[in-house]
Amino acid sequence: MGMSTADMAKDPPSEVRALGLALFGYFNPQIFQPSWFVKNRILGDDELKGGGDILADTPGLVAFDFHDWLLEVSLERLLLYSSEAHKFPFVKDLATSALTLLRHTPVRGFALNHTTHQSLGSAEVVENLLDNFVPRAPWQRYGPQFGERRVVLGTARTDNLDGSIRIELSKSDEVDDGVYVGIIDEVTVAPEQEHPDGCAEVLQALESIWAPSIARSDEVVQIVLGDYR
């Protein structure tokens, strides 16, 4: 899709923050129609903003873009996404309300994906920041320029839940002269063959890690960006 004249006239964003909540299991995508959310009083008409844009509507995949949040459901994943900070709590509440109603859905785990793209004003500043984490000096004998430098750190959880936490850092492909910081917070309830009806446990885990996960993402972004923001 091309940019409109109005879009081209706008200044490029200096910061883009987003949150994605992906739940993994077995879903019936066709249940998750806008009318179903309204009928079950999960959403009001005002929250649907006229129905949004239909991106896909097939037996194996439905996807709707409501402009400040997006819903995509396939046979094995339910994804809610927003790049509007005021909608982040809405993402959790919508997932909780839907899966409380569909409490027998076999859900085995989820991932919270926090992303930040921050413009630093110049390519040189971006390279200098990346030097803090992936220094160029030891490698410059192999070439003066590096087209890509990426850091991926992974660790086991420390909150008595199964899963992992992953931190990613690289140049941004969303903002000019910027960096990308990603924090992926994953939780697994149990393999489906051992526990096929994990909906309640998943929602309990989501509630318990929500605030710590948001705080951790803010802390990581501050560690990476510091005085560059």
C-alpha atoms as a PDB file:
ATOM      1  CA  MET A   1       0.000   0.000   0.000  1.00  0.00           C
ATOM      2  CA  GLY A   2       1.480   3.371  -1.023  1.00  0.00           C
ATOM      3  CA  MET A   3       1.676   6.426   1.180  1.00  0.00           C
ATOM      4  CA  SER A   4      -0.851   9.196   0.660  1.00  0.00           C
ATOM      5  CA  THR A   5       0.187  12.800   0.089  1.00  0.00           C
ATOM      6  CA  ALA A   6      -0.933  13.596   3.636  1.00  0.00           C
ATOM      7  CA  ASP A   7       1.195  10.769   5.050  1.00  0.00           C
ATOM      8  CA  MET A   8       4.232  11.942   3.090  1.00  0.00           C
ATOM      9  CA  ALA A   9       3.804  15.460   4.447  1.00  0.00           C
ATOM     10  CA  LYS A  10       3.963  14.281   8.051  1.00  0.00           C
ATOM     11  CA  ASP A  11       7.219  14.261   9.949  1.00  0.00           C
ATOM     12  CA  PRO A  12       8.521  10.705  10.419  1.00  0.00           C
ATOM     13  CA  PRO A  13       7.962   9.368  13.954  1.00  0.00           C
ATOM     14  CA  SER A  14      10.825   9.691  16.431  1.00  0.00           C
ATOM     15  CA  GLU A  15       9.552   6.872  18.627  1.00  0.00           C
ATOM     16  CA  VAL A  16       7.258   3.912  18.033  1.00  0.00           C
ATOM     17  CA  ARG A  17       6.236   1.684  20.920  1.00  0.00           C
ATOM     18  CA  ALA A  18       4.009  -1.343  20.533  1.00  0.00           C
ATOM     19  CA  LEU A  19       2.706  -4.332  22.461  1.00  0.00           C
ATOM     20  CA  GLY A  20       1.710  -7.696  21.057  1.00  0.00           C
ATOM     21  CA  LEU A  21       0.022 -10.470  23.029  1.00  0.00           C
ATOM     22  CA  ALA A  22       0.119 -13.859  21.328  1.00  0.00           C
ATOM     23  CA  LEU A  23      -1.701 -16.847  22.829  1.00  0.00           C
ATOM     24  CA  PHE A  24      -0.840 -20.315  21.553  1.00  0.00           C
ATOM     25  CA  GLY A  25      -3.162 -23.305  21.419  1.00  0.00           C
ATOM     26  CA  TYR A  26      -6.070 -24.413  19.249  1.00  0.00           C
ATOM     27  CA  PHE A  27      -8.654 -21.854  18.178  1.00  0.00           C
ATOM     28  CA  ASN A  28     -11.753 -21.587  15.999  1.00  0.00           C
ATOM     29  CA  PRO A  29     -10.989 -18.340  14.158  1.00  0.00           C
ATOM     30  CA  GLN A  30     -14.527 -17.765  12.887  1.00  0.00           C
ATOM     31  CA  ILE A  31     -15.776 -17.278  16.445  1.00  0.00           C
ATOM     32  CA  PHE A  32     -13.779 -14.056  16.760  1.00  0.00           C
ATOM     33  CA  GLN A  33     -15.963 -11.809  14.638  1.00  0.00           C
ATOM     34  CA  PRO A  34     -16.670  -8.194  15.723  1.00  0.00           C
ATOM     35  CA  SER A  35     -20.343  -9.071  16.091  1.00  0.00           C
ATOM     36  CA  TRP A  36     -19.439 -11.872  18.555  1.00  0.00           C
ATOM     37  CA  PHE A  37     -17.554  -9.440  20.788  1.00  0.00           C
ATOM     38  CA  VAL A  38     -20.498  -7.033  20.762  1.00  0.00           C
ATOM     39  CA  LYS A  39     -23.133  -9.741  21.275  1.00  0.00           C
ATOM     40  CA  ASN A  40     -21.287 -11.029  24.335  1.00  0.00           C
ATOM     41  CA  ARG A  41     -20.750  -7.510  25.687  1.00  0.00           C
ATOM     42  CA  ILE A  42     -17.000  -7.795  25.522  1.00  0.00           C
ATOM     43  CA  LEU A  43     -16.835  -4.725  23.304  1.00  0.00           C
ATOM     44  CA  GLY A  44     -19.125  -1.814  22.633  1.00  0.00           C
ATOM     45  CA  ASP A  45     -19.806  -0.350  19.211  1.00  0.00           C
ATOM     46  CA  ASP A  46     -17.634   2.668  20.029  1.00  0.00           C
ATOM     47  CA  GLU A  47     -14.582   0.431  20.584  1.00  0.00           C
ATOM     48  CA  LEU A  48     -14.965  -1.137  17.131  1.00  0.00           C
ATOM     49  CA  LYS A  49     -14.852   2.236  15.378  1.00  0.00           C
ATOM     50  CA  GLY A  50     -17.303   1.260  12.670  1.00  0.00           C
ATOM     51  CA  GLY A  51     -15.990  -2.280  12.201  1.00  0.00           C
ATOM     52  CA  GLY A  52     -12.419  -1.597  11.187  1.00  0.00           C
ATOM     53  CA  ASP A  53     -10.719  -3.027   8.123  1.00  0.00           C
ATOM     54  CA  ILE A  54     -11.116  -6.709   7.294  1.00  0.00           C
ATOM     55  CA  LEU A  55      -7.645  -8.088   6.555  1.00  0.00           C
ATOM     56  CA  ALA A  56      -8.679 -11.750   6.364  1.00  0.00           C
ATOM     57  CA  ASP A  57     -11.886 -13.709   6.889  1.00  0.00           C
ATOM     58  CA  THR A  58     -11.512 -17.416   6.124  1.00  0.00           C
ATOM     59  CA  PRO A  59     -12.160 -20.618   8.099  1.00  0.00           C
ATOM     60  CA  GLY A  60      -8.456 -20.764   9.041  1.00  0.00           C
ATOM     61  CA  LEU A  61      -7.693 -17.082   9.577  1.00  0.00           C
ATOM     62  CA  VAL A  62      -9.539 -13.932  10.598  1.00  0.00           C
ATOM     63  CA  ALA A  63      -7.866 -10.550  11.012  1.00  0.00           C
ATOM     64  CA  PHE A  64      -9.355  -7.138  11.688  1.00  0.00           C
ATOM     65  CA  ASP A  65      -7.572  -3.800  11.979  1.00  0.00           C
ATOM     66  CA  PHE A  66      -9.413  -1.330  14.195  1.00  0.00           C
ATOM     67  CA  HIS A  67      -6.776   1.383  13.574  1.00  0.00           C
ATOM     68  CA  ASP A  68      -5.453   1.593  17.124  1.00  0.00           C
ATOM     69  CA  TRP A  69      -5.518  -2.164  17.749  1.00  0.00           C
ATOM     70  CA  LEU A  70      -5.426  -5.310  15.660  1.00  0.00           C
ATOM     71  CA  LEU A  71      -6.845  -8.813  16.104  1.00  0.00           C
ATOM     72  CA  GLU A  72      -5.577 -11.851  14.212  1.00  0.00           C
ATOM     73  CA  VAL A  73      -6.693 -15.410  14.931  1.00  0.00           C
ATOM     74  CA  SER A  74      -5.418 -18.528  13.162  1.00  0.00           C
ATOM     75  CA  LEU A  75      -5.946 -22.169  14.059  1.00  0.00           C
ATOM     76  CA  GLU A  76      -2.970 -22.135  16.456  1.00  0.00           C
ATOM     77  CA  ARG A  77      -2.545 -18.519  17.559  1.00  0.00           C
ATOM     78  CA  LEU A  78      -4.561 -15.561  18.791  1.00  0.00           C
ATOM     79  CA  LEU A  79      -2.732 -12.249  18.404  1.00  0.00           C
ATOM     80  CA  LEU A  80      -3.712  -8.843  19.779  1.00  0.00           C
ATOM     81  CA  TYR A  81      -1.519  -5.880  18.905  1.00  0.00           C
ATOM     82  CA  SER A  82      -1.461  -2.124  19.443  1.00  0.00           C
ATOM     83  CA  SER A  83       1.026   0.655  18.838  1.00  0.00           C
ATOM     84  CA  GLU A  84      -0.959   3.038  21.065  1.00  0.00           C
ATOM     85  CA  ALA A  85       0.224   3.031  24.688  1.00  0.00           C
ATOM     86  CA  HIS A  86      -3.229   3.872  26.034  1.00  0.00           C
ATOM     87  CA  LYS A  87      -4.509   0.645  24.427  1.00  0.00           C
ATOM     88  CA  PHE A  88      -2.035  -1.697  26.131  1.00  0.00           C
ATOM     89  CA  PRO A  89      -4.349  -2.482  29.107  1.00  0.00           C
ATOM     90  CA  PHE A  90      -7.184  -2.973  26.611  1.00  0.00           C
ATOM     91  CA  VAL A  91      -5.162  -5.743  24.915  1.00  0.00           C
ATOM     92  CA  LYS A  92      -4.976  -7.725  28.156  1.00  0.00           C
ATOM     93  CA  ASP A  93      -8.593  -7.060  29.095  1.00  0.00           C
ATOM     94  CA  LEU A  94      -9.880  -8.147  25.683  1.00  0.00           C
ATOM     95  CA  ALA A  95      -7.919 -11.406  25.762  1.00  0.00           C
ATOM     96  CA  THR A  96      -9.029 -12.095  29.333  1.00  0.00           C
ATOM     97  CA  SER A  97     -12.697 -11.442  28.590  1.00  0.00           C
ATOM     98  CA  ALA A  98     -12.710 -13.550  25.417  1.00  0.00           C
ATOM     99  CA  LEU A  99     -10.935 -16.536  26.940  1.00  0.00           C
ATOM    100  CA  THR A 100     -12.951 -16.399  30.149  1.00  0.00           C
ATOM    101  CA  LEU A 101     -16.025 -16.861  27.982  1.00  0.00           C
ATOM    102  CA  LEU A 102     -14.270 -19.550  25.914  1.00  0.00           C
ATOM    103  CA  ARG A 103     -12.765 -21.164  28.996  1.00  0.00           C
ATOM    104  CA  HIS A 104     -12.513 -24.659  27.477  1.00  0.00           C
ATOM    105  CA  THR A 105     -10.252 -23.487  24.649  1.00  0.00           C
ATOM    106  CA  PRO A 106      -6.991 -25.495  24.720  1.00  0.00           C
ATOM    107  CA  VAL A 107      -4.418 -22.738  25.338  1.00  0.00           C
ATOM    108  CA  ARG A 108      -0.917 -23.822  26.296  1.00  0.00           C
ATOM    109  CA  GLY A 109       0.963 -20.535  26.679  1.00  0.00           C
ATOM    110  CA  PHE A 110       1.501 -16.973  25.570  1.00  0.00           C
ATOM    111  CA  ALA A 111       4.093 -14.352  24.720  1.00  0.00           C
ATOM    112  CA  LEU A 112       4.138 -10.645  25.488  1.00  0.00           C
ATOM    113  CA  ASN A 113       6.186  -8.794  22.894  1.00  0.00           C
ATOM    114  CA  HIS A 114       7.228  -5.241  23.830  1.00  0.00           C
ATOM    115  CA  THR A 115       8.874  -3.270  21.022  1.00  0.00           C
ATOM    116  CA  THR A 116      10.442   0.182  20.934  1.00  0.00           C
ATOM    117  CA  HIS A 117      11.870   1.938  17.881  1.00  0.00           C
ATOM    118  CA  GLN A 118      13.678   5.130  18.879  1.00  0.00           C
ATOM    119  CA  SER A 119      15.202   7.647  16.488  1.00  0.00           C
ATOM    120  CA  LEU A 120      18.585   8.961  17.626  1.00  0.00           C
ATOM    121  CA  GLY A 121      18.966  11.701  15.028  1.00  0.00           C
ATOM    122  CA  SER A 122      21.923  10.394  13.058  1.00  0.00           C
ATOM    123  CA  ALA A 123      23.443   7.149  11.828  1.00  0.00           C
ATOM    124  CA  GLU A 124      26.653   7.954  13.721  1.00  0.00           C
ATOM    125  CA  VAL A 125      24.829   8.137  17.049  1.00  0.00           C
ATOM    126  CA  VAL A 126      23.149   4.804  16.311  1.00  0.00           C
ATOM    127  CA  GLU A 127      26.533   3.201  15.621  1.00  0.00           C
ATOM    128  CA  ASN A 128      27.982   4.670  18.813  1.00  0.00           C
ATOM    129  CA  LEU A 129      25.119   3.299  20.890  1.00  0.00           C
ATOM    130  CA  LEU A 130      25.501  -0.151  19.353  1.00  0.00           C
ATOM    131  CA  ASP A 131      29.232   0.035  20.185  1.00  0.00           C
ATOM    132  CA  ASN A 132      28.215  -0.169  23.855  1.00  0.00           C
ATOM    133  CA  PHE A 133      26.767  -3.643  23.279  1.00  0.00           C
ATOM    134  CA  VAL A 134      28.484  -4.947  20.122  1.00  0.00           C
ATOM    135  CA  PRO A 135      31.798  -3.075  19.784  1.00  0.00           C
ATOM    136  CA  ARG A 136      33.157  -2.768  16.248  1.00  0.00           C
ATOM    137  CA  ALA A 137      36.825  -2.480  17.189  1.00  0.00           C
ATOM    138  CA  PRO A 138      37.656  -6.202  17.570  1.00  0.00           C
ATOM    139  CA  TRP A 139      36.133  -6.975  14.151  1.00  0.00           C
ATOM    140  CA  GLN A 140      37.155  -4.094  11.917  1.00  0.00           C
ATOM    141  CA  ARG A 141      40.044  -6.100  10.474  1.00  0.00           C
ATOM    142  CA  TYR A 142      37.363  -8.029   8.567  1.00  0.00           C
ATOM    143  CA  GLY A 143      35.769  -4.916   7.071  1.00  0.00           C
ATOM    144  CA  PRO A 144      35.342  -1.218   7.868  1.00  0.00           C
ATOM    145  CA  GLN A 145      31.544  -1.246   7.801  1.00  0.00           C
ATOM    146  CA  PHE A 146      28.943  -3.503   9.370  1.00  0.00           C
ATOM    147  CA  GLY A 147      25.542  -3.546   7.714  1.00  0.00           C
ATOM    148  CA  GLU A 148      23.929  -5.307  10.642  1.00  0.00           C
ATOM    149  CA  ARG A 149      24.696  -5.668  14.319  1.00  0.00           C
ATOM    150  CA  ARG A 150      22.211  -7.540  16.449  1.00  0.00           C
ATOM    151  CA  VAL A 151      22.175  -8.549  20.113  1.00  0.00           C
ATOM    152  CA  VAL A 152      19.940 -11.356  21.370  1.00  0.00           C
ATOM    153  CA  LEU A 153      19.982 -12.262  25.065  1.00  0.00           C
ATOM    154  CA  GLY A 154      17.903 -15.053  26.550  1.00  0.00           C
ATOM    155  CA  THR A 155      17.322 -16.159  30.113  1.00  0.00           C
ATOM    156  CA  ALA A 156      15.101 -18.555  32.013  1.00  0.00           C
ATOM    157  CA  ARG A 157      12.294 -17.121  34.089  1.00  0.00           C
ATOM    158  CA  THR A 158      12.738 -16.495  37.816  1.00  0.00           C
ATOM    159  CA  ASP A 159       9.037 -16.302  38.789  1.00  0.00           C
ATOM    160  CA  ASN A 160       8.212 -20.016  39.109  1.00  0.00           C
ATOM    161  CA  LEU A 161       6.641 -20.081  35.641  1.00  0.00           C
ATOM    162  CA  ASP A 162       7.941 -22.108  32.732  1.00  0.00           C
ATOM    163  CA  GLY A 163       9.197 -20.032  29.837  1.00  0.00           C
ATOM    164  CA  SER A 164      11.852 -17.497  28.999  1.00  0.00           C
ATOM    165  CA  ILE A 165      12.649 -13.805  28.583  1.00  0.00           C
ATOM    166  CA  ARG A 166      14.462 -12.588  25.489  1.00  0.00           C
ATOM    167  CA  ILE A 167      15.958  -9.149  24.802  1.00  0.00           C
ATOM    168  CA  GLU A 168      16.807  -7.987  21.282  1.00  0.00           C
ATOM    169  CA  LEU A 169      18.725  -4.931  20.098  1.00  0.00           C
ATOM    170  CA  SER A 170      19.498  -3.791  16.557  1.00  0.00           C
ATOM    171  CA  LYS A 171      19.127  -0.937  14.130  1.00  0.00           C
ATOM    172  CA  SER A 172      15.514   0.022  13.567  1.00  0.00           C
ATOM    173  CA  ASP A 173      13.666  -0.599  10.331  1.00  0.00           C
ATOM    174  CA  GLU A 174      10.719   1.520  11.520  1.00  0.00           C
ATOM    175  CA  VAL A 175      12.240   4.948  12.223  1.00  0.00           C
ATOM    176  CA  ASP A 176      15.025   6.889  10.547  1.00  0.00           C
ATOM    177  CA  ASP A 177      18.459   6.653  12.222  1.00  0.00           C
ATOM    178  CA  GLY A 178      17.068   4.681  15.112  1.00  0.00           C
ATOM    179  CA  VAL A 179      17.436   1.550  17.191  1.00  0.00           C
ATOM    180  CA  TYR A 180      15.056  -1.283  17.945  1.00  0.00           C
ATOM    181  CA  VAL A 181      14.671  -2.746  21.433  1.00  0.00           C
ATOM    182  CA  GLY A 182      12.499  -5.818  21.882  1.00  0.00           C
ATOM    183  CA  ILE A 183      11.551  -7.710  25.033  1.00  0.00           C
ATOM    184  CA  ILE A 184       9.759 -11.022  24.513  1.00  0.00           C
ATOM    185  CA  ASP A 185       8.190 -12.449  27.671  1.00  0.00           C
ATOM    186  CA  GLU A 186       7.124 -16.084  27.125  1.00  0.00           C
ATOM    187  CA  VAL A 187       5.165 -18.397  29.430  1.00  0.00           C
ATOM    188  CA  THR A 188       4.226 -22.040  28.865  1.00  0.00           C
ATOM    189  CA  VAL A 189       1.589 -23.638  31.078  1.00  0.00           C
ATOM    190  CA  ALA A 190       2.185 -27.275  30.068  1.00  0.00           C
ATOM    191  CA  PRO A 191       2.396 -29.448  26.963  1.00  0.00           C
ATOM    192  CA  GLU A 192      -1.108 -29.944  25.566  1.00  0.00           C
ATOM    193  CA  GLN A 193      -0.896 -33.726  25.851  1.00  0.00           C
ATOM    194  CA  GLU A 194      -0.467 -33.342  29.624  1.00  0.00           C
ATOM    195  CA  HIS A 195      -2.917 -30.512  30.182  1.00  0.00           C
ATOM    196  CA  PRO A 196      -5.215 -29.838  27.203  1.00  0.00           C
ATOM    197  CA  ASP A 197      -7.406 -27.248  28.932  1.00  0.00           C
ATOM    198  CA  GLY A 198      -4.963 -24.613  30.140  1.00  0.00           C
ATOM    199  CA  CYS A 199      -7.096 -21.527  29.658  1.00  0.00           C
ATOM    200  CA  ALA A 200      -7.570 -20.680  33.337  1.00  0.00           C
ATOM    201  CA  GLU A 201      -3.888 -21.202  34.113  1.00  0.00           C
ATOM    202  CA  VAL A 202      -2.825 -19.050  31.162  1.00  0.00           C
ATOM    203  CA  LEU A 203      -5.091 -16.188  32.232  1.00  0.00           C
ATOM    204  CA  GLN A 204      -3.835 -16.442  35.816  1.00  0.00           C
ATOM    205  CA  ALA A 205      -0.224 -16.331  34.598  1.00  0.00           C
ATOM    206  CA  LEU A 206      -0.965 -13.402  32.294  1.00  0.00           C
ATOM    207  CA  GLU A 207      -2.454 -11.440  35.168  1.00  0.00           C
ATOM    208  CA  SER A 208       0.496 -12.208  37.437  1.00  0.00           C
ATOM    209  CA  ILE A 209       3.230 -11.176  34.998  1.00  0.00           C
ATOM    210  CA  TRP A 210       1.498  -8.243  33.306  1.00  0.00           C
ATOM    211  CA  ALA A 211       2.709  -5.410  35.557  1.00  0.00           C
ATOM    212  CA  PRO A 212       6.229  -6.867  36.049  1.00  0.00           C
ATOM    213  CA  SER A 213       6.553  -7.393  32.302  1.00  0.00           C
ATOM    214  CA  ILE A 214       5.589  -3.785  31.524  1.00  0.00           C
ATOM    215  CA  ALA A 215       8.012  -2.533  34.180  1.00  0.00           C
ATOM    216  CA  ARG A 216      10.802  -4.779  32.882  1.00  0.00           C
ATOM    217  CA  SER A 217      10.343  -3.536  29.330  1.00  0.00           C
ATOM    218  CA  ASP A 218      10.551   0.084  30.489  1.00  0.00           C
ATOM    219  CA  GLU A 219      13.687  -0.721  32.481  1.00  0.00           C
ATOM    220  CA  VAL A 220      15.400  -2.456  29.555  1.00  0.00           C
ATOM    221  CA  VAL A 221      14.617   0.448  27.232  1.00  0.00           C
ATOM    222  CA  GLN A 222      16.095   2.839  29.781  1.00  0.00           C
ATOM    223  CA  ILE A 223      19.229   0.694  30.157  1.00  0.00           C
ATOM    224  CA  VAL A 224      19.738   0.659  26.386  1.00  0.00           C
ATOM    225  CA  LEU A 225      18.821   4.216  25.527  1.00  0.00           C
ATOM    226  CA  GLY A 226      19.700   6.093  28.719  1.00  0.00           C
ATOM    227  CA  ASP A 227      20.638   9.679  27.843  1.00  0.00           C
ATOM    228  CA  TYR A 228      20.107   9.080  24.115  1.00  0.00           C
ATOM    229  CA  ARG A 229      16.326   9.638  24.434  1.00  0.00           C
END
